[in-house]
């Protein structure tokens, strides 16, 4: 009677079948994983832009509410910008001292700046695509409409996330 030793290792056919099965699984799973990753990056970028837009509108509306109605001027920073991309107005720093403060919000290419008095520029956003200040009603200059569009590159050269936020601000002074 011959004793058969237990077989150790794999045959070439078993290894080839295993490699084929694993290759098929990778061919199916890899595009799905890439698509999920792209969706995650797109959602994260949109969320960042939404938070940035909320912060910009909060700063703009808080400042505009304190503006003097007669001091509001809507123009453009330079000839390469849209006409409604700059707003200038004065506010009171304190109610008791009546010290006026000039504020400017303006677009320069893709950057939104805030200028307070003559103290320099504060960057509010580097992802600005479009900015517009308008008076929605010609008979009511105490209402200013603010529209902000932010744009950021996602993951490929020609893919962008866009967020547009708009708000109407009632001037209190």
N, C-alpha and C. Protein backbone atom coordinates (compact mmCIF):
# COMPACT_ATOMS: atom_id res chain seq x y z
N UNK A 1 0.82 -1.15 0.00
CA UNK A 1 0.00 0.00 0.00
C UNK A 1 0.88 1.24 0.00
N UNK A 2 0.59 2.15 -0.92
CA UNK A 2 1.40 3.35 -1.02
C UNK A 2 0.75 4.47 -0.23
N UNK A 3 1.57 5.19 0.45
CA UNK A 3 1.08 6.32 1.24
C UNK A 3 1.25 7.57 0.37
N UNK A 4 0.15 8.30 0.22
CA UNK A 4 0.17 9.51 -0.59
C UNK A 4 0.39 10.69 0.34
N UNK A 5 1.42 11.45 0.04
CA UNK A 5 1.72 12.62 0.87
C UNK A 5 0.73 13.74 0.55
N UNK A 6 0.34 14.52 1.56
CA UNK A 6 -0.58 15.63 1.28
C UNK A 6 0.05 16.63 0.31
N UNK A 7 -0.75 17.14 -0.52
CA UNK A 7 -0.30 18.04 -1.55
C UNK A 7 0.00 19.41 -0.96
N UNK A 8 1.14 20.02 -1.29
CA UNK A 8 1.50 21.34 -0.81
C UNK A 8 1.62 22.26 -2.02
N UNK A 9 1.07 23.50 -1.90
CA UNK A 9 1.18 24.46 -2.99
C UNK A 9 -0.02 24.43 -3.91
N UNK A 10 0.06 25.23 -4.96
CA UNK A 10 -1.03 25.37 -5.92
C UNK A 10 -0.52 25.03 -7.31
N UNK A 11 -1.43 24.58 -8.11
CA UNK A 11 -1.05 24.31 -9.50
C UNK A 11 -1.09 25.62 -10.29
N UNK A 12 -0.48 25.61 -11.44
CA UNK A 12 -0.44 26.79 -12.29
C UNK A 12 -1.84 27.19 -12.74
N UNK A 13 -2.69 26.23 -12.99
CA UNK A 13 -4.05 26.52 -13.42
C UNK A 13 -4.82 27.22 -12.31
N UNK A 14 -4.66 26.77 -11.06
CA UNK A 14 -5.35 27.41 -9.93
C UNK A 14 -4.90 28.86 -9.75
N UNK A 15 -3.62 29.09 -9.90
CA UNK A 15 -3.09 30.46 -9.75
C UNK A 15 -3.62 31.35 -10.88
N UNK A 16 -3.66 30.84 -12.10
CA UNK A 16 -4.15 31.63 -13.24
C UNK A 16 -5.62 31.98 -13.07
N UNK A 17 -6.43 31.03 -12.62
CA UNK A 17 -7.86 31.28 -12.39
C UNK A 17 -8.04 32.34 -11.31
N UNK A 18 -7.25 32.25 -10.24
CA UNK A 18 -7.33 33.24 -9.15
C UNK A 18 -6.96 34.63 -9.65
N UNK A 19 -5.91 34.72 -10.44
CA UNK A 19 -5.47 36.01 -10.99
C UNK A 19 -6.55 36.59 -11.91
N UNK A 20 -7.20 35.75 -12.70
CA UNK A 20 -8.27 36.22 -13.58
C UNK A 20 -9.45 36.76 -12.78
N UNK A 21 -9.84 36.06 -11.75
CA UNK A 21 -10.97 36.49 -10.92
C UNK A 21 -10.64 37.82 -10.22
N UNK A 22 -9.45 37.93 -9.67
CA UNK A 22 -9.04 39.18 -8.99
C UNK A 22 -8.97 40.34 -10.00
N UNK A 23 -8.48 40.08 -11.20
CA UNK A 23 -8.41 41.12 -12.24
C UNK A 23 -9.80 41.61 -12.63
N UNK A 24 -10.73 40.70 -12.77
CA UNK A 24 -12.11 41.08 -13.10
C UNK A 24 -12.71 41.92 -11.99
N UNK A 25 -12.47 41.52 -10.74
CA UNK A 25 -12.99 42.30 -9.61
C UNK A 25 -12.40 43.72 -9.58
N UNK A 26 -11.10 43.84 -9.82
CA UNK A 26 -10.47 45.16 -9.86
C UNK A 26 -11.01 45.99 -11.01
N UNK A 27 -11.25 45.36 -12.15
CA UNK A 27 -11.78 46.09 -13.30
C UNK A 27 -13.18 46.63 -13.02
N UNK A 28 -13.93 45.96 -12.19
CA UNK A 28 -15.28 46.41 -11.83
C UNK A 28 -15.24 47.43 -10.70
N UNK A 29 -14.43 47.18 -9.68
CA UNK A 29 -14.41 48.01 -8.47
C UNK A 29 -13.65 49.32 -8.67
N UNK A 30 -12.59 49.35 -9.44
CA UNK A 30 -11.75 50.55 -9.59
C UNK A 30 -12.54 51.75 -10.13
N UNK A 31 -13.30 51.63 -11.22
CA UNK A 31 -14.08 52.79 -11.68
C UNK A 31 -15.13 53.25 -10.67
N UNK A 32 -15.72 52.31 -9.97
CA UNK A 32 -16.70 52.68 -8.94
C UNK A 32 -16.01 53.46 -7.83
N UNK A 33 -14.86 53.02 -7.40
CA UNK A 33 -14.10 53.72 -6.35
C UNK A 33 -13.70 55.11 -6.82
N UNK A 34 -13.25 55.24 -8.07
CA UNK A 34 -12.87 56.55 -8.60
C UNK A 34 -14.07 57.50 -8.64
N UNK A 35 -15.22 57.00 -9.06
CA UNK A 35 -16.42 57.84 -9.12
C UNK A 35 -16.86 58.29 -7.73
N UNK A 36 -16.81 57.39 -6.76
CA UNK A 36 -17.15 57.74 -5.38
C UNK A 36 -16.18 58.79 -4.84
N UNK A 37 -14.90 58.63 -5.14
CA UNK A 37 -13.90 59.59 -4.70
C UNK A 37 -14.15 60.97 -5.33
N UNK A 38 -14.47 61.01 -6.62
CA UNK A 38 -14.78 62.28 -7.29
C UNK A 38 -16.01 62.95 -6.69
N UNK A 39 -17.04 62.16 -6.42
CA UNK A 39 -18.24 62.70 -5.79
C UNK A 39 -17.94 63.27 -4.41
N UNK A 40 -17.12 62.58 -3.64
CA UNK A 40 -16.74 63.06 -2.31
C UNK A 40 -16.01 64.40 -2.41
N UNK A 41 -15.07 64.50 -3.33
CA UNK A 41 -14.32 65.75 -3.50
C UNK A 41 -15.24 66.88 -3.95
N UNK A 42 -16.18 66.59 -4.85
CA UNK A 42 -17.11 67.60 -5.33
C UNK A 42 -18.02 68.09 -4.20
N UNK A 43 -18.54 67.19 -3.40
CA UNK A 43 -19.42 67.56 -2.30
C UNK A 43 -18.64 68.37 -1.26
N UNK A 44 -17.42 67.94 -0.96
CA UNK A 44 -16.60 68.67 0.02
C UNK A 44 -16.28 70.07 -0.48
N UNK A 45 -15.97 70.22 -1.76
CA UNK A 45 -15.66 71.54 -2.33
C UNK A 45 -16.89 72.44 -2.30
N UNK A 46 -18.04 71.91 -2.64
CA UNK A 46 -19.28 72.71 -2.58
C UNK A 46 -19.59 73.14 -1.15
N UNK A 47 -19.37 72.26 -0.19
CA UNK A 47 -19.59 72.60 1.21
C UNK A 47 -18.66 73.73 1.64
N UNK A 48 -17.39 73.66 1.25
CA UNK A 48 -16.44 74.74 1.57
C UNK A 48 -16.89 76.06 0.96
N UNK A 49 -17.35 76.02 -0.29
CA UNK A 49 -17.81 77.25 -0.94
C UNK A 49 -19.08 77.80 -0.29
N UNK A 50 -19.99 76.92 0.13
CA UNK A 50 -21.20 77.37 0.81
C UNK A 50 -20.85 78.04 2.13
N UNK A 51 -19.93 77.48 2.89
CA UNK A 51 -19.51 78.09 4.14
C UNK A 51 -18.84 79.43 3.90
N UNK A 52 -18.02 79.50 2.86
CA UNK A 52 -17.35 80.76 2.52
C UNK A 52 -18.37 81.81 2.10
N UNK A 53 -19.36 81.42 1.30
CA UNK A 53 -20.40 82.36 0.86
C UNK A 53 -21.21 82.86 2.05
N UNK A 54 -21.54 81.98 2.99
CA UNK A 54 -22.26 82.41 4.19
C UNK A 54 -21.46 83.43 4.99
N UNK A 55 -20.16 83.18 5.13
CA UNK A 55 -19.30 84.11 5.86
C UNK A 55 -19.21 85.46 5.18
N UNK A 56 -19.10 85.46 3.85
CA UNK A 56 -19.03 86.71 3.08
C UNK A 56 -20.34 87.49 3.25
N UNK A 57 -21.47 86.82 3.06
CA UNK A 57 -22.75 87.51 3.18
C UNK A 57 -22.98 88.01 4.60
N UNK A 58 -22.54 87.27 5.60
CA UNK A 58 -22.68 87.73 6.99
C UNK A 58 -21.90 89.03 7.19
N UNK A 59 -20.66 89.08 6.72
CA UNK A 59 -19.83 90.28 6.86
C UNK A 59 -20.42 91.45 6.09
N UNK A 60 -20.84 91.19 4.85
CA UNK A 60 -21.42 92.26 4.03
C UNK A 60 -22.71 92.81 4.63
N UNK A 61 -23.61 91.94 5.01
CA UNK A 61 -24.89 92.40 5.54
C UNK A 61 -24.73 93.12 6.87
N UNK A 62 -23.85 92.62 7.73
CA UNK A 62 -23.62 93.28 9.02
C UNK A 62 -23.10 94.70 8.81
N UNK A 63 -22.20 94.87 7.87
CA UNK A 63 -21.64 96.20 7.59
C UNK A 63 -22.65 97.10 6.89
N UNK A 64 -23.37 96.55 5.89
CA UNK A 64 -24.33 97.36 5.13
C UNK A 64 -25.50 97.85 5.97
N UNK A 65 -25.92 97.07 6.94
CA UNK A 65 -27.02 97.50 7.80
C UNK A 65 -26.69 98.76 8.57
N UNK A 66 -25.40 98.99 8.81
CA UNK A 66 -24.97 100.16 9.57
C UNK A 66 -24.63 101.34 8.68
N UNK A 67 -24.81 101.22 7.37
CA UNK A 67 -24.45 102.28 6.43
C UNK A 67 -25.45 103.43 6.50
N UNK A 68 -24.98 104.62 6.13
CA UNK A 68 -25.86 105.77 5.94
C UNK A 68 -26.42 105.68 4.52
N UNK A 69 -27.73 105.82 4.39
CA UNK A 69 -28.38 105.63 3.09
C UNK A 69 -27.80 106.56 2.03
N UNK A 70 -27.56 107.80 2.38
CA UNK A 70 -27.08 108.78 1.40
C UNK A 70 -25.63 108.59 0.99
N UNK A 71 -24.89 107.76 1.70
CA UNK A 71 -23.46 107.60 1.41
C UNK A 71 -23.15 106.40 0.51
N UNK A 72 -24.14 105.62 0.15
CA UNK A 72 -23.91 104.40 -0.62
C UNK A 72 -23.63 104.73 -2.09
N UNK A 73 -22.50 104.23 -2.59
CA UNK A 73 -22.13 104.40 -3.99
C UNK A 73 -21.78 103.02 -4.56
N UNK A 74 -22.43 102.67 -5.67
CA UNK A 74 -22.15 101.40 -6.34
C UNK A 74 -21.43 101.72 -7.64
N UNK A 75 -20.27 101.09 -7.85
CA UNK A 75 -19.47 101.35 -9.05
C UNK A 75 -18.64 100.10 -9.36
N UNK A 76 -17.49 100.30 -9.97
CA UNK A 76 -16.58 99.19 -10.22
C UNK A 76 -15.17 99.61 -9.82
N UNK A 77 -14.34 98.62 -9.44
CA UNK A 77 -12.99 98.90 -8.97
C UNK A 77 -12.11 99.40 -10.11
N UNK A 78 -12.20 98.79 -11.27
CA UNK A 78 -11.46 99.24 -12.45
C UNK A 78 -12.23 98.80 -13.69
N UNK A 79 -11.75 99.19 -14.85
CA UNK A 79 -12.51 98.95 -16.08
C UNK A 79 -12.61 97.47 -16.48
N UNK A 80 -11.79 96.62 -15.90
CA UNK A 80 -11.86 95.20 -16.25
C UNK A 80 -12.89 94.44 -15.40
N UNK A 81 -13.48 95.10 -14.42
CA UNK A 81 -14.46 94.46 -13.55
C UNK A 81 -15.88 94.86 -13.96
N UNK A 82 -16.87 94.05 -13.59
CA UNK A 82 -18.26 94.43 -13.86
C UNK A 82 -18.63 95.72 -13.11
N UNK A 83 -19.60 96.45 -13.65
CA UNK A 83 -19.93 97.77 -13.09
C UNK A 83 -20.40 97.68 -11.64
N UNK A 84 -21.17 96.71 -11.28
CA UNK A 84 -21.74 96.63 -9.94
C UNK A 84 -20.86 95.87 -8.95
N UNK A 85 -19.56 95.83 -9.16
CA UNK A 85 -18.67 94.99 -8.34
C UNK A 85 -17.97 95.73 -7.20
N UNK A 86 -18.41 96.95 -6.90
CA UNK A 86 -17.80 97.72 -5.81
C UNK A 86 -18.87 98.55 -5.12
N UNK A 87 -18.84 98.53 -3.80
CA UNK A 87 -19.76 99.37 -3.03
C UNK A 87 -18.95 100.14 -1.99
N UNK A 88 -19.27 101.43 -1.87
CA UNK A 88 -18.61 102.30 -0.91
C UNK A 88 -19.69 102.97 -0.08
N UNK A 89 -19.48 103.04 1.23
CA UNK A 89 -20.44 103.70 2.12
C UNK A 89 -19.76 104.10 3.41
N UNK A 90 -20.43 104.91 4.18
CA UNK A 90 -19.92 105.32 5.49
C UNK A 90 -20.83 104.78 6.58
N UNK A 91 -20.22 104.48 7.71
CA UNK A 91 -20.94 104.01 8.89
C UNK A 91 -20.49 104.82 10.09
N UNK A 92 -21.24 104.70 11.16
CA UNK A 92 -20.83 105.31 12.42
C UNK A 92 -20.13 104.25 13.25
N UNK A 93 -18.94 104.60 13.78
CA UNK A 93 -18.24 103.63 14.62
C UNK A 93 -18.89 103.51 15.98
N UNK A 94 -19.29 104.63 16.58
CA UNK A 94 -19.99 104.56 17.86
C UNK A 94 -21.12 105.59 17.84
N UNK A 95 -22.21 105.25 18.46
CA UNK A 95 -23.38 106.12 18.43
C UNK A 95 -23.13 107.42 19.20
N UNK A 96 -22.31 107.37 20.24
CA UNK A 96 -22.10 108.57 21.06
C UNK A 96 -21.08 109.52 20.44
N UNK A 97 -20.07 109.00 19.74
CA UNK A 97 -19.00 109.85 19.21
C UNK A 97 -19.29 110.35 17.80
N UNK A 98 -20.20 109.72 17.08
CA UNK A 98 -20.52 110.08 15.70
C UNK A 98 -19.26 110.18 14.83
N UNK A 99 -18.42 109.19 14.95
CA UNK A 99 -17.22 109.10 14.13
C UNK A 99 -17.58 108.26 12.91
N UNK A 100 -17.43 108.83 11.72
CA UNK A 100 -17.81 108.09 10.52
C UNK A 100 -16.61 107.28 10.02
N UNK A 101 -16.91 106.18 9.41
CA UNK A 101 -15.92 105.24 8.92
C UNK A 101 -16.30 104.85 7.50
N UNK A 102 -15.39 105.00 6.55
CA UNK A 102 -15.67 104.62 5.16
C UNK A 102 -15.34 103.15 4.96
N UNK A 103 -16.28 102.42 4.36
CA UNK A 103 -16.08 101.00 4.07
C UNK A 103 -16.24 100.78 2.58
N UNK A 104 -15.40 99.89 2.06
CA UNK A 104 -15.45 99.53 0.64
C UNK A 104 -15.38 98.01 0.54
N UNK A 105 -16.25 97.43 -0.27
CA UNK A 105 -16.18 96.03 -0.66
C UNK A 105 -16.03 96.03 -2.17
N UNK A 106 -15.00 95.34 -2.68
CA UNK A 106 -14.78 95.36 -4.12
C UNK A 106 -14.15 94.07 -4.62
N UNK A 107 -14.43 93.81 -5.89
CA UNK A 107 -13.88 92.64 -6.57
C UNK A 107 -12.68 93.08 -7.39
N UNK A 108 -11.59 92.35 -7.28
CA UNK A 108 -10.42 92.51 -8.15
C UNK A 108 -10.05 91.13 -8.65
N UNK A 109 -10.38 90.87 -9.89
CA UNK A 109 -10.25 89.55 -10.51
C UNK A 109 -11.04 88.52 -9.72
N UNK A 110 -10.36 87.57 -9.06
CA UNK A 110 -11.07 86.53 -8.30
C UNK A 110 -10.99 86.76 -6.80
N UNK A 111 -10.63 87.95 -6.39
CA UNK A 111 -10.46 88.24 -4.96
C UNK A 111 -11.50 89.28 -4.53
N UNK A 112 -12.13 89.04 -3.39
CA UNK A 112 -13.06 90.00 -2.79
C UNK A 112 -12.35 90.66 -1.62
N UNK A 113 -12.24 91.99 -1.68
CA UNK A 113 -11.56 92.75 -0.63
C UNK A 113 -12.56 93.57 0.16
N UNK A 114 -12.21 93.77 1.44
CA UNK A 114 -12.91 94.71 2.29
C UNK A 114 -11.89 95.76 2.72
N UNK A 115 -12.21 97.03 2.52
CA UNK A 115 -11.35 98.12 2.93
C UNK A 115 -12.09 98.94 3.97
N UNK A 116 -11.50 99.14 5.13
CA UNK A 116 -12.10 99.92 6.20
C UNK A 116 -11.23 101.15 6.41
N UNK A 117 -11.81 102.35 6.17
CA UNK A 117 -11.03 103.57 6.30
C UNK A 117 -9.84 103.52 5.36
N UNK A 118 -8.68 103.86 5.85
CA UNK A 118 -7.47 103.78 5.05
C UNK A 118 -6.50 102.78 5.62
N UNK A 119 -7.02 101.76 6.33
CA UNK A 119 -6.16 100.82 7.04
C UNK A 119 -5.67 99.65 6.20
N UNK A 120 -6.05 99.57 4.96
CA UNK A 120 -5.58 98.48 4.12
C UNK A 120 -6.68 97.51 3.74
N UNK A 121 -6.30 96.52 2.96
CA UNK A 121 -7.25 95.56 2.42
C UNK A 121 -7.30 94.30 3.28
N UNK A 122 -8.51 93.79 3.43
CA UNK A 122 -8.73 92.50 4.08
C UNK A 122 -9.37 91.58 3.04
N UNK A 123 -8.76 90.43 2.83
CA UNK A 123 -9.27 89.47 1.84
C UNK A 123 -10.42 88.69 2.46
N UNK A 124 -11.57 88.74 1.80
CA UNK A 124 -12.72 87.95 2.24
C UNK A 124 -12.83 86.64 1.48
N UNK A 125 -12.37 86.62 0.21
CA UNK A 125 -12.42 85.40 -0.58
C UNK A 125 -11.43 85.48 -1.73
N UNK A 126 -10.86 84.34 -2.06
CA UNK A 126 -9.99 84.23 -3.24
C UNK A 126 -10.65 83.39 -4.33
N UNK A 127 -11.90 83.02 -4.12
CA UNK A 127 -12.63 82.17 -5.06
C UNK A 127 -13.78 82.91 -5.73
N UNK A 128 -13.72 84.22 -5.79
CA UNK A 128 -14.83 85.00 -6.32
C UNK A 128 -14.91 84.91 -7.83
N UNK A 129 -16.09 84.60 -8.33
CA UNK A 129 -16.33 84.54 -9.76
C UNK A 129 -17.17 85.74 -10.21
N UNK A 130 -18.15 86.15 -9.39
CA UNK A 130 -19.04 87.24 -9.74
C UNK A 130 -19.53 87.90 -8.47
N UNK A 131 -19.62 89.23 -8.50
CA UNK A 131 -20.12 90.01 -7.37
C UNK A 131 -20.97 91.13 -7.91
N UNK A 132 -22.15 91.34 -7.35
CA UNK A 132 -23.02 92.42 -7.81
C UNK A 132 -23.76 93.04 -6.63
N UNK A 133 -23.73 94.35 -6.58
CA UNK A 133 -24.51 95.14 -5.64
C UNK A 133 -25.51 95.94 -6.47
N UNK A 134 -26.79 95.86 -6.13
CA UNK A 134 -27.81 96.60 -6.87
C UNK A 134 -28.87 97.11 -5.92
N UNK A 135 -29.60 98.13 -6.39
CA UNK A 135 -30.80 98.60 -5.69
C UNK A 135 -31.98 97.94 -6.39
N UNK A 136 -32.65 96.98 -5.76
CA UNK A 136 -33.74 96.27 -6.45
C UNK A 136 -34.95 97.15 -6.75
N UNK A 137 -35.11 98.23 -5.98
CA UNK A 137 -36.23 99.13 -6.21
C UNK A 137 -35.69 100.55 -6.36
N UNK A 138 -36.07 101.23 -7.40
CA UNK A 138 -35.57 102.58 -7.62
C UNK A 138 -36.19 103.59 -6.67
N UNK A 139 -37.34 103.27 -6.08
CA UNK A 139 -37.98 104.20 -5.15
C UNK A 139 -37.58 103.96 -3.69
N UNK A 140 -36.77 102.94 -3.43
CA UNK A 140 -36.37 102.63 -2.05
C UNK A 140 -34.87 102.37 -2.01
N UNK A 141 -34.10 103.38 -1.67
CA UNK A 141 -32.65 103.25 -1.62
C UNK A 141 -32.16 102.64 -0.30
N UNK A 142 -33.08 102.24 0.55
CA UNK A 142 -32.68 101.61 1.81
C UNK A 142 -32.58 100.09 1.69
N UNK A 143 -32.75 99.59 0.48
CA UNK A 143 -32.68 98.15 0.23
C UNK A 143 -31.59 97.89 -0.82
N UNK A 144 -30.60 97.06 -0.46
CA UNK A 144 -29.50 96.73 -1.37
C UNK A 144 -29.48 95.22 -1.56
N UNK A 145 -29.40 94.79 -2.81
CA UNK A 145 -29.30 93.38 -3.12
C UNK A 145 -27.83 93.02 -3.35
N UNK A 146 -27.39 91.93 -2.74
CA UNK A 146 -26.01 91.46 -2.86
C UNK A 146 -26.05 90.06 -3.46
N UNK A 147 -25.30 89.85 -4.54
CA UNK A 147 -25.19 88.54 -5.16
C UNK A 147 -23.72 88.16 -5.27
N UNK A 148 -23.40 86.97 -4.80
CA UNK A 148 -22.02 86.47 -4.80
C UNK A 148 -22.00 85.10 -5.46
N UNK A 149 -21.10 84.90 -6.41
CA UNK A 149 -20.87 83.58 -7.00
C UNK A 149 -19.42 83.21 -6.77
N UNK A 150 -19.22 82.05 -6.17
CA UNK A 150 -17.88 81.55 -5.89
C UNK A 150 -17.60 80.35 -6.79
N UNK A 151 -16.36 80.22 -7.21
CA UNK A 151 -15.97 79.12 -8.10
C UNK A 151 -14.63 78.57 -7.64
N UNK A 152 -14.55 77.24 -7.61
CA UNK A 152 -13.31 76.59 -7.19
C UNK A 152 -13.09 75.34 -8.03
N UNK A 153 -11.85 75.13 -8.44
CA UNK A 153 -11.50 73.94 -9.21
C UNK A 153 -11.64 72.70 -8.34
N UNK A 154 -12.13 71.63 -8.93
CA UNK A 154 -12.37 70.42 -8.14
C UNK A 154 -11.18 69.47 -8.20
N UNK A 155 -11.08 68.70 -9.23
CA UNK A 155 -10.02 67.69 -9.28
C UNK A 155 -9.40 67.57 -10.65
N UNK A 156 -10.07 68.00 -11.65
CA UNK A 156 -9.54 67.92 -13.00
C UNK A 156 -9.50 69.33 -13.57
N UNK A 157 -8.78 69.52 -14.62
CA UNK A 157 -8.50 70.87 -15.14
C UNK A 157 -9.77 71.66 -15.47
N UNK A 158 -10.78 71.04 -16.04
CA UNK A 158 -11.96 71.78 -16.48
C UNK A 158 -13.20 71.54 -15.64
N UNK A 159 -13.04 71.08 -14.42
CA UNK A 159 -14.18 70.81 -13.55
C UNK A 159 -14.18 71.81 -12.40
N UNK A 160 -15.33 72.47 -12.19
CA UNK A 160 -15.44 73.48 -11.15
C UNK A 160 -16.70 73.26 -10.35
N UNK A 161 -16.66 73.73 -9.11
CA UNK A 161 -17.86 73.79 -8.28
C UNK A 161 -18.26 75.26 -8.22
N UNK A 162 -19.54 75.54 -8.42
CA UNK A 162 -20.07 76.90 -8.37
C UNK A 162 -21.14 77.01 -7.30
N UNK A 163 -21.08 78.10 -6.55
CA UNK A 163 -22.10 78.38 -5.54
C UNK A 163 -22.52 79.83 -5.72
N UNK A 164 -23.81 80.08 -5.81
CA UNK A 164 -24.33 81.44 -5.89
C UNK A 164 -25.19 81.70 -4.66
N UNK A 165 -24.94 82.83 -4.01
CA UNK A 165 -25.72 83.23 -2.85
C UNK A 165 -26.18 84.66 -3.06
N UNK A 166 -27.41 84.94 -2.65
CA UNK A 166 -27.97 86.27 -2.84
C UNK A 166 -28.76 86.66 -1.60
N UNK A 167 -28.71 87.95 -1.30
CA UNK A 167 -29.43 88.42 -0.12
C UNK A 167 -29.79 89.88 -0.32
N UNK A 168 -30.94 90.29 0.20
CA UNK A 168 -31.33 91.68 0.21
C UNK A 168 -31.13 92.22 1.61
N UNK A 169 -30.50 93.40 1.68
CA UNK A 169 -30.13 93.99 2.98
C UNK A 169 -30.89 95.29 3.15
N UNK A 170 -31.54 95.43 4.29
CA UNK A 170 -32.24 96.67 4.64
C UNK A 170 -31.26 97.56 5.39
N UNK A 171 -31.03 98.78 4.90
CA UNK A 171 -30.14 99.74 5.53
C UNK A 171 -30.89 100.35 6.72
N UNK A 172 -30.26 100.37 7.89
CA UNK A 172 -30.93 100.81 9.11
C UNK A 172 -30.75 102.30 9.42
N UNK A 173 -29.76 102.96 8.84
CA UNK A 173 -29.50 104.38 9.17
C UNK A 173 -29.94 105.29 8.04
